[in-house]
C-alpha atoms as a PDB file:
ATOM      1  CA  UNK A   1      40.163 -73.462  73.082  1.00  0.00           C
ATOM      2  CA  UNK A   2      37.917 -71.002  71.347  1.00  0.00           C
ATOM      3  CA  UNK A   3      35.535 -72.407  68.769  1.00  0.00           C
ATOM      4  CA  UNK A   4      36.729 -71.544  65.288  1.00  0.00           C
ATOM      5  CA  UNK A   5      34.389 -69.109  63.581  1.00  0.00           C
ATOM      6  CA  UNK A   6      33.062 -70.101  60.190  1.00  0.00           C
ATOM      7  CA  UNK A   7      33.797 -67.969  57.146  1.00  0.00           C
ATOM      8  CA  UNK A   8      30.272 -68.325  55.768  1.00  0.00           C
ATOM      9  CA  UNK A   9      27.788 -65.566  56.413  1.00  0.00           C
ATOM     10  CA  UNK A  10      24.943 -66.611  58.709  1.00  0.00           C
ATOM     11  CA  UNK A  11      21.341 -66.562  57.552  1.00  0.00           C
ATOM     12  CA  UNK A  12      18.387 -65.558  59.758  1.00  0.00           C
ATOM     13  CA  UNK A  13      17.467 -69.249  60.022  1.00  0.00           C
ATOM     14  CA  UNK A  14      20.837 -70.204  61.522  1.00  0.00           C
ATOM     15  CA  UNK A  15      20.767 -71.119  65.224  1.00  0.00           C
ATOM     16  CA  UNK A  16      23.697 -68.739  65.888  1.00  0.00           C
ATOM     17  CA  UNK A  17      21.878 -65.777  64.317  1.00  0.00           C
ATOM     18  CA  UNK A  18      20.800 -63.296  67.047  1.00  0.00           C
ATOM     19  CA  UNK A  19      17.504 -61.936  65.789  1.00  0.00           C
ATOM     20  CA  UNK A  20      17.177 -59.379  68.601  1.00  0.00           C
ATOM     21  CA  UNK A  21      20.510 -57.786  67.705  1.00  0.00           C
ATOM     22  CA  UNK A  22      19.578 -57.654  64.016  1.00  0.00           C
ATOM     23  CA  UNK A  23      16.234 -56.044  64.840  1.00  0.00           C
ATOM     24  CA  UNK A  24      17.851 -53.458  67.089  1.00  0.00           C
ATOM     25  CA  UNK A  25      20.244 -52.437  64.334  1.00  0.00           C
ATOM     26  CA  UNK A  26      17.352 -52.313  61.896  1.00  0.00           C
ATOM     27  CA  UNK A  27      15.615 -49.789  64.149  1.00  0.00           C
ATOM     28  CA  UNK A  28      18.721 -47.600  64.227  1.00  0.00           C
ATOM     29  CA  UNK A  29      19.052 -47.752  60.441  1.00  0.00           C
ATOM     30  CA  UNK A  30      15.412 -46.754  60.005  1.00  0.00           C
ATOM     31  CA  UNK A  31      16.417 -43.185  60.859  1.00  0.00           C
ATOM     32  CA  UNK A  32      17.939 -41.278  57.950  1.00  0.00           C
ATOM     33  CA  UNK A  33      18.039 -37.872  56.272  1.00  0.00           C
ATOM     34  CA  UNK A  34      14.371 -38.109  55.313  1.00  0.00           C
ATOM     35  CA  UNK A  35      13.260 -39.629  58.632  1.00  0.00           C
ATOM     36  CA  UNK A  36      15.266 -37.909  61.398  1.00  0.00           C
ATOM     37  CA  UNK A  37      12.372 -37.971  63.908  1.00  0.00           C
ATOM     38  CA  UNK A  38       9.645 -40.604  63.986  1.00  0.00           C
ATOM     39  CA  UNK A  39       6.778 -41.762  66.125  1.00  0.00           C
ATOM     40  CA  UNK A  40       6.493 -45.329  67.342  1.00  0.00           C
ATOM     41  CA  UNK A  41       4.024 -46.113  64.567  1.00  0.00           C
ATOM     42  CA  UNK A  42       6.358 -44.700  61.918  1.00  0.00           C
ATOM     43  CA  UNK A  43       9.317 -46.741  63.193  1.00  0.00           C
ATOM     44  CA  UNK A  44       7.158 -49.854  63.229  1.00  0.00           C
ATOM     45  CA  UNK A  45       6.076 -49.216  59.641  1.00  0.00           C
ATOM     46  CA  UNK A  46       9.634 -48.492  58.445  1.00  0.00           C
ATOM     47  CA  UNK A  47      10.962 -51.723  59.975  1.00  0.00           C
ATOM     48  CA  UNK A  48       7.906 -53.906  59.254  1.00  0.00           C
ATOM     49  CA  UNK A  49       7.628 -54.674  62.970  1.00  0.00           C
ATOM     50  CA  UNK A  50       4.496 -54.641  65.070  1.00  0.00           C
ATOM     51  CA  UNK A  51       4.148 -51.728  67.499  1.00  0.00           C
ATOM     52  CA  UNK A  52       4.896 -53.789  70.604  1.00  0.00           C
ATOM     53  CA  UNK A  53       8.172 -55.113  69.198  1.00  0.00           C
ATOM     54  CA  UNK A  54       9.266 -51.711  67.883  1.00  0.00           C
ATOM     55  CA  UNK A  55       8.420 -50.158  71.258  1.00  0.00           C
ATOM     56  CA  UNK A  56      10.654 -52.605  73.143  1.00  0.00           C
ATOM     57  CA  UNK A  57      13.616 -51.911  70.886  1.00  0.00           C
ATOM     58  CA  UNK A  58      13.142 -48.141  71.002  1.00  0.00           C
ATOM     59  CA  UNK A  59      12.911 -48.135  74.797  1.00  0.00           C
ATOM     60  CA  UNK A  60      15.983 -50.368  75.072  1.00  0.00           C
ATOM     61  CA  UNK A  61      17.979 -48.114  72.732  1.00  0.00           C
ATOM     62  CA  UNK A  62      16.738 -45.133  74.744  1.00  0.00           C
ATOM     63  CA  UNK A  63      17.952 -46.743  77.978  1.00  0.00           C
ATOM     64  CA  UNK A  64      21.353 -47.378  76.370  1.00  0.00           C
ATOM     65  CA  UNK A  65      21.629 -43.785  75.195  1.00  0.00           C
ATOM     66  CA  UNK A  66      21.391 -44.428  71.453  1.00  0.00           C
ATOM     67  CA  UNK A  67      17.926 -42.904  71.038  1.00  0.00           C
ATOM     68  CA  UNK A  68      16.334 -39.753  72.458  1.00  0.00           C
ATOM     69  CA  UNK A  69      12.618 -39.395  73.159  1.00  0.00           C
ATOM     70  CA  UNK A  70      10.761 -36.121  72.920  1.00  0.00           C
ATOM     71  CA  UNK A  71       7.056 -36.530  73.663  1.00  0.00           C
ATOM     72  CA  UNK A  72       5.709 -38.775  70.864  1.00  0.00           C
ATOM     73  CA  UNK A  73       8.878 -38.627  68.792  1.00  0.00           C
ATOM     74  CA  UNK A  74      12.084 -40.618  68.772  1.00  0.00           C
ATOM     75  CA  UNK A  75      15.407 -39.561  67.231  1.00  0.00           C
ATOM     76  CA  UNK A  76      18.968 -40.853  67.249  1.00  0.00           C
ATOM     77  CA  UNK A  77      21.246 -39.601  70.011  1.00  0.00           C
ATOM     78  CA  UNK A  78      24.877 -38.499  69.466  1.00  0.00           C
ATOM     79  CA  UNK A  79      26.089 -41.715  71.072  1.00  0.00           C
ATOM     80  CA  UNK A  80      25.254 -43.525  67.807  1.00  0.00           C
ATOM     81  CA  UNK A  81      28.336 -41.818  66.370  1.00  0.00           C
ATOM     82  CA  UNK A  82      30.471 -44.096  68.545  1.00  0.00           C
ATOM     83  CA  UNK A  83      29.435 -47.021  66.353  1.00  0.00           C
ATOM     84  CA  UNK A  84      30.787 -45.280  63.266  1.00  0.00           C
ATOM     85  CA  UNK A  85      33.858 -44.044  65.123  1.00  0.00           C
ATOM     86  CA  UNK A  86      34.729 -47.602  66.110  1.00  0.00           C
ATOM     87  CA  UNK A  87      34.819 -48.539  62.431  1.00  0.00           C
ATOM     88  CA  UNK A  88      36.890 -45.502  61.436  1.00  0.00           C
ATOM     89  CA  UNK A  89      39.367 -45.852  64.295  1.00  0.00           C
ATOM     90  CA  UNK A  90      39.822 -49.558  63.562  1.00  0.00           C
ATOM     91  CA  UNK A  91      40.633 -48.656  59.945  1.00  0.00           C
ATOM     92  CA  UNK A  92      42.976 -45.713  60.461  1.00  0.00           C
ATOM     93  CA  UNK A  93      44.444 -45.980  56.963  1.00  0.00           C
ATOM     94  CA  UNK A  94      41.560 -43.744  55.898  1.00  0.00           C
ATOM     95  CA  UNK A  95      43.355 -40.717  57.316  1.00  0.00           C
ATOM     96  CA  UNK A  96      46.215 -41.397  54.904  1.00  0.00           C
ATOM     97  CA  UNK A  97      43.830 -41.887  51.984  1.00  0.00           C
ATOM     98  CA  UNK A  98      42.071 -38.655  52.945  1.00  0.00           C
ATOM     99  CA  UNK A  99      45.291 -36.790  52.155  1.00  0.00           C
ATOM    100  CA  UNK A 100      45.402 -38.330  48.688  1.00  0.00           C
ATOM    101  CA  UNK A 101      41.765 -37.401  48.076  1.00  0.00           C
ATOM    102  CA  UNK A 102      42.509 -33.810  49.042  1.00  0.00           C
ATOM    103  CA  UNK A 103      45.483 -33.808  46.677  1.00  0.00           C
ATOM    104  CA  UNK A 104      43.175 -34.931  43.867  1.00  0.00           C
ATOM    105  CA  UNK A 105      40.767 -32.086  44.621  1.00  0.00           C
ATOM    106  CA  UNK A 106      43.623 -29.582  44.730  1.00  0.00           C
ATOM    107  CA  UNK A 107      45.043 -30.806  41.415  1.00  0.00           C
ATOM    108  CA  UNK A 108      41.856 -31.026  39.362  1.00  0.00           C
ATOM    109  CA  UNK A 109      39.332 -28.975  41.314  1.00  0.00           C
ATOM    110  CA  UNK A 110      36.843 -31.834  41.571  1.00  0.00           C
ATOM    111  CA  UNK A 111      35.416 -33.862  44.448  1.00  0.00           C
ATOM    112  CA  UNK A 112      37.067 -37.180  45.281  1.00  0.00           C
ATOM    113  CA  UNK A 113      35.884 -39.952  47.588  1.00  0.00           C
ATOM    114  CA  UNK A 114      36.701 -43.365  48.982  1.00  0.00           C
ATOM    115  CA  UNK A 115      33.829 -45.833  49.046  1.00  0.00           C
ATOM    116  CA  UNK A 116      33.363 -49.412  50.158  1.00  0.00           C
ATOM    117  CA  UNK A 117      30.766 -51.985  49.206  1.00  0.00           C
ATOM    118  CA  UNK A 118      28.178 -52.607  51.907  1.00  0.00           C
ATOM    119  CA  UNK A 119      25.475 -54.996  50.778  1.00  0.00           C
ATOM    120  CA  UNK A 120      24.091 -53.660  47.505  1.00  0.00           C
ATOM    121  CA  UNK A 121      25.232 -50.093  48.219  1.00  0.00           C
ATOM    122  CA  UNK A 122      28.391 -48.055  48.178  1.00  0.00           C
ATOM    123  CA  UNK A 123      28.989 -46.204  51.418  1.00  0.00           C
ATOM    124  CA  UNK A 124      31.245 -43.144  51.512  1.00  0.00           C
ATOM    125  CA  UNK A 125      33.964 -43.503  54.171  1.00  0.00           C
ATOM    126  CA  UNK A 126      36.251 -40.605  53.183  1.00  0.00           C
ATOM    127  CA  UNK A 127      35.668 -37.558  51.016  1.00  0.00           C
ATOM    128  CA  UNK A 128      37.278 -34.383  49.740  1.00  0.00           C
ATOM    129  CA  UNK A 129      34.559 -32.065  48.476  1.00  0.00           C
ATOM    130  CA  UNK A 130      34.989 -29.399  45.819  1.00  0.00           C
ATOM    131  CA  UNK A 131      33.205 -26.096  46.292  1.00  0.00           C
ATOM    132  CA  UNK A 132      30.602 -26.721  43.622  1.00  0.00           C
ATOM    133  CA  UNK A 133      27.690 -29.017  44.409  1.00  0.00           C
ATOM    134  CA  UNK A 134      27.190 -32.072  42.199  1.00  0.00           C
ATOM    135  CA  UNK A 135      23.961 -33.746  43.276  1.00  0.00           C
ATOM    136  CA  UNK A 136      20.584 -32.805  44.657  1.00  0.00           C
ATOM    137  CA  UNK A 137      21.508 -34.710  47.837  1.00  0.00           C
ATOM    138  CA  UNK A 138      24.481 -33.795  50.004  1.00  0.00           C
ATOM    139  CA  UNK A 139      27.308 -36.316  49.753  1.00  0.00           C
ATOM    140  CA  UNK A 140      29.248 -36.882  52.965  1.00  0.00           C
ATOM    141  CA  UNK A 141      30.848 -39.660  54.999  1.00  0.00           C
ATOM    142  CA  UNK A 142      28.160 -42.239  55.619  1.00  0.00           C
ATOM    143  CA  UNK A 143      26.165 -41.492  52.458  1.00  0.00           C
ATOM    144  CA  UNK A 144      24.869 -44.609  50.752  1.00  0.00           C
ATOM    145  CA  UNK A 145      24.259 -44.882  47.011  1.00  0.00           C
ATOM    146  CA  UNK A 146      23.164 -47.893  44.934  1.00  0.00           C
ATOM    147  CA  UNK A 147      26.277 -49.664  43.681  1.00  0.00           C
ATOM    148  CA  UNK A 148      24.771 -50.479  40.286  1.00  0.00           C
ATOM    149  CA  UNK A 149      24.606 -46.845  39.186  1.00  0.00           C
ATOM    150  CA  UNK A 150      27.907 -45.468  40.494  1.00  0.00           C
ATOM    151  CA  UNK A 151      31.448 -45.748  39.204  1.00  0.00           C
ATOM    152  CA  UNK A 152      32.783 -46.811  42.613  1.00  0.00           C
ATOM    153  CA  UNK A 153      30.053 -49.410  42.899  1.00  0.00           C
ATOM    154  CA  UNK A 154      30.849 -50.972  39.551  1.00  0.00           C
ATOM    155  CA  UNK A 155      34.576 -51.098  40.254  1.00  0.00           C
ATOM    156  CA  UNK A 156      33.892 -52.824  43.565  1.00  0.00           C
ATOM    157  CA  UNK A 157      31.353 -55.209  42.063  1.00  0.00           C
ATOM    158  CA  UNK A 158      34.016 -56.130  39.513  1.00  0.00           C
ATOM    159  CA  UNK A 159      36.204 -57.392  42.381  1.00  0.00           C
ATOM    160  CA  UNK A 160      33.594 -59.889  43.566  1.00  0.00           C
ATOM    161  CA  UNK A 161      33.949 -63.605  42.818  1.00  0.00           C
ATOM    162  CA  UNK A 162      31.685 -64.575  39.940  1.00  0.00           C
ATOM    163  CA  UNK A 163      29.292 -66.521  42.180  1.00  0.00           C
ATOM    164  CA  UNK A 164      28.779 -63.473  44.436  1.00  0.00           C
ATOM    165  CA  UNK A 165      28.303 -61.183  41.458  1.00  0.00           C
ATOM    166  CA  UNK A 166      25.723 -63.540  39.985  1.00  0.00           C
ATOM    167  CA  UNK A 167      23.855 -63.597  43.311  1.00  0.00           C
ATOM    168  CA  UNK A 168      23.902 -59.781  43.413  1.00  0.00           C
ATOM    169  CA  UNK A 169      22.502 -59.502  39.885  1.00  0.00           C
ATOM    170  CA  UNK A 170      19.857 -62.101  40.674  1.00  0.00           C
ATOM    171  CA  UNK A 171      18.434 -60.162  43.639  1.00  0.00           C
ATOM    172  CA  UNK A 172      18.885 -56.713  42.102  1.00  0.00           C
ATOM    173  CA  UNK A 173      15.829 -54.690  41.142  1.00  0.00           C
ATOM    174  CA  UNK A 174      16.757 -52.085  38.549  1.00  0.00           C
ATOM    175  CA  UNK A 175      15.404 -48.569  38.861  1.00  0.00           C
ATOM    176  CA  UNK A 176      15.433 -45.762  36.301  1.00  0.00           C
ATOM    177  CA  UNK A 177      16.861 -42.542  37.754  1.00  0.00           C
ATOM    178  CA  UNK A 178      17.546 -40.658  34.499  1.00  0.00           C
ATOM    179  CA  UNK A 179      17.090 -41.247  30.776  1.00  0.00           C
ATOM    180  CA  UNK A 180      20.672 -42.608  30.733  1.00  0.00           C
ATOM    181  CA  UNK A 181      20.120 -45.258  33.404  1.00  0.00           C
ATOM    182  CA  UNK A 182      20.699 -48.841  32.281  1.00  0.00           C
ATOM    183  CA  UNK A 183      17.464 -50.797  32.464  1.00  0.00           C
ATOM    184  CA  UNK A 184      18.620 -54.374  31.891  1.00  0.00           C
ATOM    185  CA  UNK A 185      20.869 -56.608  33.950  1.00  0.00           C
ATOM    186  CA  UNK A 186      22.684 -57.628  30.790  1.00  0.00           C
ATOM    187  CA  UNK A 187      23.818 -54.047  30.196  1.00  0.00           C
ATOM    188  CA  UNK A 188      24.932 -53.716  33.799  1.00  0.00           C
ATOM    189  CA  UNK A 189      26.862 -56.994  33.659  1.00  0.00           C
ATOM    190  CA  UNK A 190      28.710 -55.753  30.574  1.00  0.00           C
ATOM    191  CA  UNK A 191      29.683 -52.559  32.429  1.00  0.00           C
ATOM    192  CA  UNK A 192      30.976 -54.561  35.385  1.00  0.00           C
ATOM    193  CA  UNK A 193      32.915 -56.934  33.123  1.00  0.00           C
ATOM    194  CA  UNK A 194      34.406 -53.938  31.324  1.00  0.00           C
ATOM    195  CA  UNK A 195      35.447 -52.433  34.666  1.00  0.00           C
ATOM    196  CA  UNK A 196      37.166 -55.701  35.571  1.00  0.00           C
ATOM    197  CA  UNK A 197      39.077 -55.762  32.277  1.00  0.00           C
ATOM    198  CA  UNK A 198      40.001 -52.069  32.162  1.00  0.00           C
ATOM    199  CA  UNK A 199      40.628 -51.492  35.850  1.00  0.00           C
ATOM    200  CA  UNK A 200      38.303 -48.501  36.030  1.00  0.00           C
ATOM    201  CA  UNK A 201      34.634 -47.615  35.623  1.00  0.00           C
ATOM    202  CA  UNK A 202      32.685 -44.596  34.399  1.00  0.00           C
ATOM    203  CA  UNK A 203      29.135 -43.687  35.371  1.00  0.00           C
ATOM    204  CA  UNK A 204      27.727 -41.032  33.084  1.00  0.00           C
ATOM    205  CA  UNK A 205      24.572 -39.316  34.398  1.00  0.00           C
ATOM    206  CA  UNK A 206      22.898 -42.603  35.295  1.00  0.00           C
ATOM    207  CA  UNK A 207      22.099 -41.758  38.916  1.00  0.00           C
ATOM    208  CA  UNK A 208      21.716 -38.001  38.685  1.00  0.00           C
ATOM    209  CA  UNK A 209      21.447 -35.811  35.587  1.00  0.00           C
ATOM    210  CA  UNK A 210      24.704 -33.950  35.057  1.00  0.00           C
ATOM    211  CA  UNK A 211      26.764 -36.175  37.367  1.00  0.00           C
ATOM    212  CA  UNK A 212      29.721 -37.853  35.667  1.00  0.00           C
ATOM    213  CA  UNK A 213      32.173 -39.944  37.678  1.00  0.00           C
ATOM    214  CA  UNK A 214      35.221 -42.140  37.289  1.00  0.00           C
ATOM    215  CA  UNK A 215      36.570 -44.706  39.775  1.00  0.00           C
ATOM    216  CA  UNK A 216      39.453 -47.149  40.238  1.00  0.00           C
ATOM    217  CA  UNK A 217      39.970 -49.813  42.917  1.00  0.00           C
ATOM    218  CA  UNK A 218      42.351 -49.072  45.788  1.00  0.00           C
ATOM    219  CA  UNK A 219      44.514 -51.870  47.218  1.00  0.00           C
ATOM    220  CA  UNK A 220      47.069 -51.873  50.019  1.00  0.00           C
ATOM    221  CA  UNK A 221      50.646 -53.126  49.780  1.00  0.00           C
ATOM    222  CA  UNK A 222      49.496 -56.691  50.491  1.00  0.00           C
ATOM    223  CA  UNK A 223      46.908 -56.645  47.726  1.00  0.00           C
ATOM    224  CA  UNK A 224      43.962 -56.221  50.109  1.00  0.00           C
ATOM    225  CA  UNK A 225      41.049 -54.300  48.611  1.00  0.00           C
ATOM    226  CA  UNK A 226      40.513 -51.117  50.625  1.00  0.00           C
ATOM    227  CA  UNK A 227      37.690 -49.731  48.488  1.00  0.00           C
ATOM    228  CA  UNK A 228      37.386 -47.552  45.416  1.00  0.00           C
ATOM    229  CA  UNK A 229      38.450 -43.947  44.893  1.00  0.00           C
ATOM    230  CA  UNK A 230      36.683 -41.682  42.456  1.00  0.00           C
ATOM    231  CA  UNK A 231      36.490 -38.276  40.861  1.00  0.00           C
ATOM    232  CA  UNK A 232      33.024 -36.779  40.451  1.00  0.00           C
ATOM    233  CA  UNK A 233      32.351 -33.891  38.123  1.00  0.00           C
ATOM    234  CA  UNK A 234      29.663 -32.030  36.234  1.00  0.00           C
ATOM    235  CA  UNK A 235      29.023 -33.319  32.719  1.00  0.00           C
ATOM    236  CA  UNK A 236      28.453 -29.781  31.448  1.00  0.00           C
ATOM    237  CA  UNK A 237      32.001 -28.770  32.451  1.00  0.00           C
ATOM    238  CA  UNK A 238      34.038 -31.924  31.896  1.00  0.00           C
ATOM    239  CA  UNK A 239      33.558 -34.131  28.840  1.00  0.00           C
ATOM    240  CA  UNK A 240      34.340 -37.847  28.728  1.00  0.00           C
ATOM    241  CA  UNK A 241      37.538 -37.291  26.756  1.00  0.00           C
ATOM    242  CA  UNK A 242      38.953 -35.055  29.495  1.00  0.00           C
ATOM    243  CA  UNK A 243      37.784 -37.467  32.162  1.00  0.00           C
ATOM    244  CA  UNK A 244      39.700 -40.342  30.602  1.00  0.00           C
ATOM    245  CA  UNK A 245      42.775 -38.537  29.300  1.00  0.00           C
ATOM    246  CA  UNK A 246      43.442 -36.218  32.239  1.00  0.00           C
ATOM    247  CA  UNK A 247      41.561 -37.426  35.309  1.00  0.00           C
ATOM    248  CA  UNK A 248      42.062 -41.171  34.900  1.00  0.00           C
ATOM    249  CA  UNK A 249      45.905 -40.953  35.012  1.00  0.00           C
ATOM    250  CA  UNK A 250      45.618 -38.737  38.109  1.00  0.00           C
ATOM    251  CA  UNK A 251      43.328 -41.228  39.833  1.00  0.00           C
ATOM    252  CA  UNK A 252      45.532 -44.171  38.869  1.00  0.00           C
ATOM    253  CA  UNK A 253      48.652 -42.437  40.189  1.00  0.00           C
ATOM    254  CA  UNK A 254      46.991 -41.930  43.590  1.00  0.00           C
ATOM    255  CA  UNK A 255      45.879 -45.575  43.628  1.00  0.00           C
ATOM    256  CA  UNK A 256      49.507 -46.593  43.043  1.00  0.00           C
ATOM    257  CA  UNK A 257      50.613 -44.356  45.926  1.00  0.00           C
ATOM    258  CA  UNK A 258      48.042 -45.966  48.192  1.00  0.00           C
ATOM    259  CA  UNK A 259      49.338 -49.400  47.215  1.00  0.00           C
ATOM    260  CA  UNK A 260      52.946 -48.463  47.971  1.00  0.00           C
ATOM    261  CA  UNK A 261      52.397 -46.514  51.195  1.00  0.00           C
ATOM    262  CA  UNK A 262      49.576 -48.306  53.037  1.00  0.00           C
ATOM    263  CA  UNK A 263      49.832 -51.751  54.579  1.00  0.00           C
ATOM    264  CA  UNK A 264      46.971 -53.118  56.688  1.00  0.00           C
END
């Protein structure tokens, strides 16, 4: 009989925790938009590993086809996409949600996304982009943003049990992105509590000047949390009154459709 797996998350000190696997994934995640190609020394610095350890992981990933080597530089190989594809294919309800996101864009002319909580970040897993650009960075599937400063993040944080939310706030280091960014954990906690009570959250130019967004949680027919869906817009074009009176009902109607048509 198979040993029953525990529900608790392992810590690095647990005897069942595979440090080598964690370190290998850390090397993969060291590559991003700002670090697409790195030398051995740069990878070691990004992962806080010594050069010998980083070298072993890079060469192993190279042998497995997940990393390419060009002279002194390393970069991710296309095979890494299989890791993401495994997640997307195992959660095929996202193709149905994608249709609803596209309907939102068609109806209001704004970008709409589905995000899930991953650690302290929101990661985009589906997106319908409007023609106009909203942020200095390009938002796409796989983009990570700090949950504390996004509408989707706050809606998802509001779904956490109180003990998990308290642990998140305890480890969080606040950062000022704009002059509208909240700078105290008390203010952030009030926003999250408000999102829990109202069923939606607004982030108004706290992460990027001019970016205004609105999000609601998305559940399936069994009440399972699938993520959060949002509408992102430019504050110069869409005021808060329009966001709440016109876009919120649209977003809520799509969330209801998701709940009645998707069962995981």
